[in-house]
Amino acid sequence: MSIWSVRPNMKQMVFAVFARPLHPELFDIRQSFEMRRAQHEFTIWITEFGHVVTWQHDDLIVSEVLTAYGAPLPKTRRLFSYRTTGHTTEEIRCADVVLQLGVSVEQLKPELFQRVAEELEEDSRREGRLSYRFPSTDRMQPSALSYVVPEATASRLIVYTFHTFPEECGVLKTQSVYEVLDD
């Protein structure tokens, strides 16, 4: 039996993509960010276990979520789902939009994890970054950090996320590209 101090174990997470919005009532939202561009708009939430990105172009809405495996998620209009056990990439095409997704789990030695966690913490303070530091469960370890970097142009959104798991000395990273194709 696993006891989650702040987050579940890295390998007890799931990354999923839906062709629909996800209801905010499903999540404990810690930070949020919204932006509109010429051809799309998006919302990013940092949640109790990971993140949610909701992206819209015309009538197409796509939502990605990183959350605990077994969390209550819709079963309808699921485009992709992956248990975070290693590395994977996926490409999804919907109408005139392409999504490129990548997920990776990195287990680090404690001294390297400490250094990476400090670098992520410092980088997360830069303008245009969305981050949340969770309460620490151990005064000898850094707190868990969720950190999101959105990069948006008129027709493209790239989202980089970093989620640290101090008890496992791990970092779970995602990279998502949402792009409106030229006619």
C-alpha atoms as a PDB file:
ATOM      1  CA  MET A   1       0.000   0.000   0.000  1.00  0.00           C
ATOM      2  CA  SER A   2       1.346   3.398  -1.002  1.00  0.00           C
ATOM      3  CA  ILE A   3       0.846   6.464   1.156  1.00  0.00           C
ATOM      4  CA  TRP A   4       1.040   9.754  -0.736  1.00  0.00           C
ATOM      5  CA  SER A   5       2.692  12.466   1.311  1.00  0.00           C
ATOM      6  CA  VAL A   6       2.131  15.178  -1.271  1.00  0.00           C
ATOM      7  CA  ARG A   7       1.869  13.354  -4.570  1.00  0.00           C
ATOM      8  CA  PRO A   8       1.563   9.771  -5.656  1.00  0.00           C
ATOM      9  CA  ASN A   9       4.643   7.885  -6.772  1.00  0.00           C
ATOM     10  CA  MET A  10       5.882   9.005 -10.212  1.00  0.00           C
ATOM     11  CA  LYS A  11       4.924   5.679 -11.725  1.00  0.00           C
ATOM     12  CA  GLN A  12       1.410   5.995 -10.277  1.00  0.00           C
ATOM     13  CA  MET A  13       0.659   8.948 -12.525  1.00  0.00           C
ATOM     14  CA  VAL A  14      -1.189   9.069 -15.841  1.00  0.00           C
ATOM     15  CA  PHE A  15      -0.873  11.525 -18.730  1.00  0.00           C
ATOM     16  CA  ALA A  16      -4.044  11.703 -20.838  1.00  0.00           C
ATOM     17  CA  VAL A  17      -5.428  13.821 -23.678  1.00  0.00           C
ATOM     18  CA  PHE A  18      -9.109  14.439 -24.357  1.00  0.00           C
ATOM     19  CA  ALA A  19     -11.035  16.077 -27.213  1.00  0.00           C
ATOM     20  CA  ARG A  20     -13.121  17.999 -24.703  1.00  0.00           C
ATOM     21  CA  PRO A  21     -12.757  20.371 -21.751  1.00  0.00           C
ATOM     22  CA  LEU A  22     -12.255  18.918 -18.272  1.00  0.00           C
ATOM     23  CA  HIS A  23     -14.352  20.234 -15.406  1.00  0.00           C
ATOM     24  CA  PRO A  24     -12.475  22.233 -12.761  1.00  0.00           C
ATOM     25  CA  GLU A  25     -14.444  20.421 -10.047  1.00  0.00           C
ATOM     26  CA  LEU A  26     -12.331  17.328 -10.777  1.00  0.00           C
ATOM     27  CA  PHE A  27      -9.160  19.068  -9.584  1.00  0.00           C
ATOM     28  CA  ASP A  28      -7.691  20.971  -6.672  1.00  0.00           C
ATOM     29  CA  ILE A  29      -6.271  23.910  -8.644  1.00  0.00           C
ATOM     30  CA  ARG A  30      -3.211  25.545  -7.048  1.00  0.00           C
ATOM     31  CA  GLN A  31      -2.252  28.051  -9.798  1.00  0.00           C
ATOM     32  CA  SER A  32      -3.829  29.083 -13.106  1.00  0.00           C
ATOM     33  CA  PHE A  33      -2.943  31.039 -16.218  1.00  0.00           C
ATOM     34  CA  GLU A  34      -4.917  32.019 -19.346  1.00  0.00           C
ATOM     35  CA  MET A  35      -3.862  33.495 -22.682  1.00  0.00           C
ATOM     36  CA  ARG A  36      -5.409  34.289 -26.066  1.00  0.00           C
ATOM     37  CA  ARG A  37      -3.560  34.387 -29.370  1.00  0.00           C
ATOM     38  CA  ALA A  38      -4.736  35.057 -32.928  1.00  0.00           C
ATOM     39  CA  GLN A  39      -5.726  31.457 -33.733  1.00  0.00           C
ATOM     40  CA  HIS A  40      -6.076  29.849 -30.314  1.00  0.00           C
ATOM     41  CA  GLU A  41      -6.539  30.304 -26.586  1.00  0.00           C
ATOM     42  CA  PHE A  42      -5.450  28.222 -23.633  1.00  0.00           C
ATOM     43  CA  THR A  43      -5.731  27.762 -19.886  1.00  0.00           C
ATOM     44  CA  ILE A  44      -3.151  26.061 -17.670  1.00  0.00           C
ATOM     45  CA  TRP A  45      -3.798  24.788 -14.157  1.00  0.00           C
ATOM     46  CA  ILE A  46      -1.283  23.408 -11.723  1.00  0.00           C
ATOM     47  CA  THR A  47      -3.208  20.870  -9.681  1.00  0.00           C
ATOM     48  CA  GLU A  48      -2.646  18.855  -6.522  1.00  0.00           C
ATOM     49  CA  PHE A  49      -0.960  16.043  -8.473  1.00  0.00           C
ATOM     50  CA  GLY A  50       0.161  17.580 -11.777  1.00  0.00           C
ATOM     51  CA  HIS A  51      -1.339  19.883 -14.376  1.00  0.00           C
ATOM     52  CA  VAL A  52      -4.160  20.473 -16.862  1.00  0.00           C
ATOM     53  CA  VAL A  53      -3.824  22.334 -20.169  1.00  0.00           C
ATOM     54  CA  THR A  54      -7.002  23.223 -22.063  1.00  0.00           C
ATOM     55  CA  TRP A  55      -6.404  24.493 -25.596  1.00  0.00           C
ATOM     56  CA  GLN A  56      -9.027  25.792 -28.034  1.00  0.00           C
ATOM     57  CA  HIS A  57      -8.938  26.546 -31.761  1.00  0.00           C
ATOM     58  CA  ASP A  58     -12.280  27.412 -33.357  1.00  0.00           C
ATOM     59  CA  ASP A  59     -14.673  24.656 -32.174  1.00  0.00           C
ATOM     60  CA  LEU A  60     -11.915  22.176 -31.278  1.00  0.00           C
ATOM     61  CA  ILE A  61     -11.075  21.854 -27.570  1.00  0.00           C
ATOM     62  CA  VAL A  62      -8.228  19.623 -26.427  1.00  0.00           C
ATOM     63  CA  SER A  63      -7.316  18.998 -22.785  1.00  0.00           C
ATOM     64  CA  GLU A  64      -4.231  17.280 -21.445  1.00  0.00           C
ATOM     65  CA  VAL A  65      -3.920  16.183 -17.858  1.00  0.00           C
ATOM     66  CA  LEU A  66      -1.206  14.747 -15.661  1.00  0.00           C
ATOM     67  CA  THR A  67      -2.776  13.295 -12.531  1.00  0.00           C
ATOM     68  CA  ALA A  68      -2.853  10.301 -10.226  1.00  0.00           C
ATOM     69  CA  TYR A  69      -3.722   6.986 -11.832  1.00  0.00           C
ATOM     70  CA  GLY A  70      -7.292   6.178 -10.845  1.00  0.00           C
ATOM     71  CA  ALA A  71      -8.307   9.834 -10.496  1.00  0.00           C
ATOM     72  CA  PRO A  72     -11.861  10.474 -11.742  1.00  0.00           C
ATOM     73  CA  LEU A  73     -11.448  11.370 -15.412  1.00  0.00           C
ATOM     74  CA  PRO A  74     -14.016  11.178 -18.211  1.00  0.00           C
ATOM     75  CA  LYS A  75     -14.071   8.050 -20.329  1.00  0.00           C
ATOM     76  CA  THR A  76     -15.513   9.744 -23.408  1.00  0.00           C
ATOM     77  CA  ARG A  77     -13.436  11.396 -26.127  1.00  0.00           C
ATOM     78  CA  ARG A  78     -10.098  10.224 -24.684  1.00  0.00           C
ATOM     79  CA  LEU A  79      -7.463  10.493 -27.434  1.00  0.00           C
ATOM     80  CA  PHE A  80      -4.420   9.217 -25.552  1.00  0.00           C
ATOM     81  CA  SER A  81      -3.504   7.821 -22.154  1.00  0.00           C
ATOM     82  CA  TYR A  82      -0.120   6.783 -20.765  1.00  0.00           C
ATOM     83  CA  ARG A  83       0.964   5.451 -17.357  1.00  0.00           C
ATOM     84  CA  THR A  84       4.152   7.359 -16.567  1.00  0.00           C
ATOM     85  CA  THR A  85       6.573   4.454 -16.370  1.00  0.00           C
ATOM     86  CA  GLY A  86       9.328   5.741 -18.675  1.00  0.00           C
ATOM     87  CA  HIS A  87       9.472   7.717 -21.900  1.00  0.00           C
ATOM     88  CA  THR A  88       6.939   8.009 -24.705  1.00  0.00           C
ATOM     89  CA  THR A  89       5.995  10.283 -27.604  1.00  0.00           C
ATOM     90  CA  GLU A  90       2.770  10.538 -29.544  1.00  0.00           C
ATOM     91  CA  GLU A  91       1.372  12.572 -32.428  1.00  0.00           C
ATOM     92  CA  ILE A  92      -2.361  13.222 -32.763  1.00  0.00           C
ATOM     93  CA  ARG A  93      -4.112  14.938 -35.669  1.00  0.00           C
ATOM     94  CA  CYS A  94      -7.538  16.546 -35.258  1.00  0.00           C
ATOM     95  CA  ALA A  95      -8.948  18.484 -38.231  1.00  0.00           C
ATOM     96  CA  ASP A  96      -6.411  21.233 -39.027  1.00  0.00           C
ATOM     97  CA  VAL A  97      -4.483  20.773 -35.768  1.00  0.00           C
ATOM     98  CA  VAL A  98      -1.546  18.562 -34.846  1.00  0.00           C
ATOM     99  CA  LEU A  99      -0.504  17.701 -31.290  1.00  0.00           C
ATOM    100  CA  GLN A 100       2.954  16.368 -30.496  1.00  0.00           C
ATOM    101  CA  LEU A 101       3.297  14.960 -27.003  1.00  0.00           C
ATOM    102  CA  GLY A 102       6.240  13.696 -24.995  1.00  0.00           C
ATOM    103  CA  VAL A 103       6.480  12.318 -21.457  1.00  0.00           C
ATOM    104  CA  SER A 104       9.623  11.300 -19.596  1.00  0.00           C
ATOM    105  CA  VAL A 105      10.370  10.079 -16.093  1.00  0.00           C
ATOM    106  CA  GLU A 106      13.883  10.582 -14.707  1.00  0.00           C
ATOM    107  CA  GLN A 107      15.157   8.958 -11.529  1.00  0.00           C
ATOM    108  CA  LEU A 108      18.271  10.779 -10.264  1.00  0.00           C
ATOM    109  CA  LYS A 109      20.915  10.209  -7.611  1.00  0.00           C
ATOM    110  CA  PRO A 110      20.066  12.265  -4.483  1.00  0.00           C
ATOM    111  CA  GLU A 111      22.872  14.823  -4.917  1.00  0.00           C
ATOM    112  CA  LEU A 112      21.992  15.337  -8.593  1.00  0.00           C
ATOM    113  CA  PHE A 113      18.282  15.606  -7.759  1.00  0.00           C
ATOM    114  CA  GLN A 114      19.077  18.290  -5.168  1.00  0.00           C
ATOM    115  CA  ARG A 115      20.973  20.320  -7.789  1.00  0.00           C
ATOM    116  CA  VAL A 116      18.259  19.868 -10.456  1.00  0.00           C
ATOM    117  CA  ALA A 117      15.531  20.822  -7.949  1.00  0.00           C
ATOM    118  CA  GLU A 118      17.435  24.014  -7.047  1.00  0.00           C
ATOM    119  CA  GLU A 119      17.877  24.912 -10.743  1.00  0.00           C
ATOM    120  CA  LEU A 120      14.192  24.318 -11.471  1.00  0.00           C
ATOM    121  CA  GLU A 121      13.227  26.418  -8.441  1.00  0.00           C
ATOM    122  CA  GLU A 122      15.420  29.288  -9.642  1.00  0.00           C
ATOM    123  CA  ASP A 123      14.189  29.035 -13.239  1.00  0.00           C
ATOM    124  CA  SER A 124      10.552  28.900 -12.106  1.00  0.00           C
ATOM    125  CA  ARG A 125      10.834  32.448 -10.759  1.00  0.00           C
ATOM    126  CA  ARG A 126      11.417  33.926 -14.218  1.00  0.00           C
ATOM    127  CA  GLU A 127       8.644  35.965 -15.787  1.00  0.00           C
ATOM    128  CA  GLY A 128       6.097  34.005 -17.812  1.00  0.00           C
ATOM    129  CA  ARG A 129       6.505  30.830 -15.750  1.00  0.00           C
ATOM    130  CA  LEU A 130       3.784  29.238 -13.691  1.00  0.00           C
ATOM    131  CA  SER A 131       4.881  27.330 -10.610  1.00  0.00           C
ATOM    132  CA  TYR A 132       3.710  25.975  -7.303  1.00  0.00           C
ATOM    133  CA  ARG A 133       5.840  24.698  -4.439  1.00  0.00           C
ATOM    134  CA  PHE A 134       3.988  22.163  -2.326  1.00  0.00           C
ATOM    135  CA  PRO A 135       4.343  22.089   1.460  1.00  0.00           C
ATOM    136  CA  SER A 136       7.366  20.060   2.500  1.00  0.00           C
ATOM    137  CA  THR A 137       6.855  16.711   4.165  1.00  0.00           C
ATOM    138  CA  ASP A 138      10.501  16.379   5.234  1.00  0.00           C
ATOM    139  CA  ARG A 139      12.660  19.288   6.350  1.00  0.00           C
ATOM    140  CA  MET A 140      15.726  17.497   4.950  1.00  0.00           C
ATOM    141  CA  GLN A 141      14.323  17.276   1.402  1.00  0.00           C
ATOM    142  CA  PRO A 142      13.242  19.998  -1.008  1.00  0.00           C
ATOM    143  CA  SER A 143       9.503  20.472  -1.436  1.00  0.00           C
ATOM    144  CA  ALA A 144       7.767  19.047  -4.484  1.00  0.00           C
ATOM    145  CA  LEU A 145       7.574  21.592  -7.298  1.00  0.00           C
ATOM    146  CA  SER A 146       5.293  21.838 -10.323  1.00  0.00           C
ATOM    147  CA  TYR A 147       6.586  24.221 -12.935  1.00  0.00           C
ATOM    148  CA  VAL A 148       5.050  25.076 -16.331  1.00  0.00           C
ATOM    149  CA  VAL A 149       6.587  27.054 -19.189  1.00  0.00           C
ATOM    150  CA  PRO A 150       4.139  28.062 -21.949  1.00  0.00           C
ATOM    151  CA  GLU A 151       5.503  29.481 -25.223  1.00  0.00           C
ATOM    152  CA  ALA A 152       2.790  30.791 -27.536  1.00  0.00           C
ATOM    153  CA  THR A 153       2.812  32.282 -31.026  1.00  0.00           C
ATOM    154  CA  ALA A 154      -0.158  33.191 -33.240  1.00  0.00           C
ATOM    155  CA  SER A 155      -0.705  29.568 -34.333  1.00  0.00           C
ATOM    156  CA  ARG A 156       1.289  27.396 -31.908  1.00  0.00           C
ATOM    157  CA  LEU A 157       1.493  26.612 -28.218  1.00  0.00           C
ATOM    158  CA  ILE A 158       4.405  24.718 -26.693  1.00  0.00           C
ATOM    159  CA  VAL A 159       4.077  23.691 -23.043  1.00  0.00           C
ATOM    160  CA  TYR A 160       6.990  22.330 -21.023  1.00  0.00           C
ATOM    161  CA  THR A 161       6.191  20.962 -17.567  1.00  0.00           C
ATOM    162  CA  PHE A 162       8.430  19.778 -14.759  1.00  0.00           C
ATOM    163  CA  HIS A 163       7.096  17.986 -11.689  1.00  0.00           C
ATOM    164  CA  THR A 164       9.547  17.000  -8.954  1.00  0.00           C
ATOM    165  CA  PHE A 165       9.128  14.025  -6.635  1.00  0.00           C
ATOM    166  CA  PRO A 166      11.630  14.532  -3.780  1.00  0.00           C
ATOM    167  CA  GLU A 167      10.890  11.248  -2.002  1.00  0.00           C
ATOM    168  CA  GLU A 168      11.899   9.385  -5.175  1.00  0.00           C
ATOM    169  CA  CYS A 169      14.563  11.847  -6.362  1.00  0.00           C
ATOM    170  CA  GLY A 170      12.605  12.042  -9.599  1.00  0.00           C
ATOM    171  CA  VAL A 171      11.471  14.522 -12.214  1.00  0.00           C
ATOM    172  CA  LEU A 172       8.484  13.906 -14.470  1.00  0.00           C
ATOM    173  CA  LYS A 173       8.633  16.066 -17.608  1.00  0.00           C
ATOM    174  CA  THR A 174       6.162  16.649 -20.402  1.00  0.00           C
ATOM    175  CA  GLN A 175       6.414  18.589 -23.635  1.00  0.00           C
ATOM    176  CA  SER A 176       3.313  19.322 -25.684  1.00  0.00           C
ATOM    177  CA  VAL A 177       3.050  21.145 -28.998  1.00  0.00           C
ATOM    178  CA  TYR A 178      -0.375  22.290 -30.203  1.00  0.00           C
ATOM    179  CA  GLU A 179      -0.188  23.659 -33.742  1.00  0.00           C
ATOM    180  CA  VAL A 180      -2.743  25.013 -36.191  1.00  0.00           C
ATOM    181  CA  LEU A 181      -1.709  23.857 -39.648  1.00  0.00           C
ATOM    182  CA  ASP A 182      -1.693  26.250 -42.592  1.00  0.00           C
ATOM    183  CA  ASP A 183      -4.581  25.933 -44.999  1.00  0.00           C
END
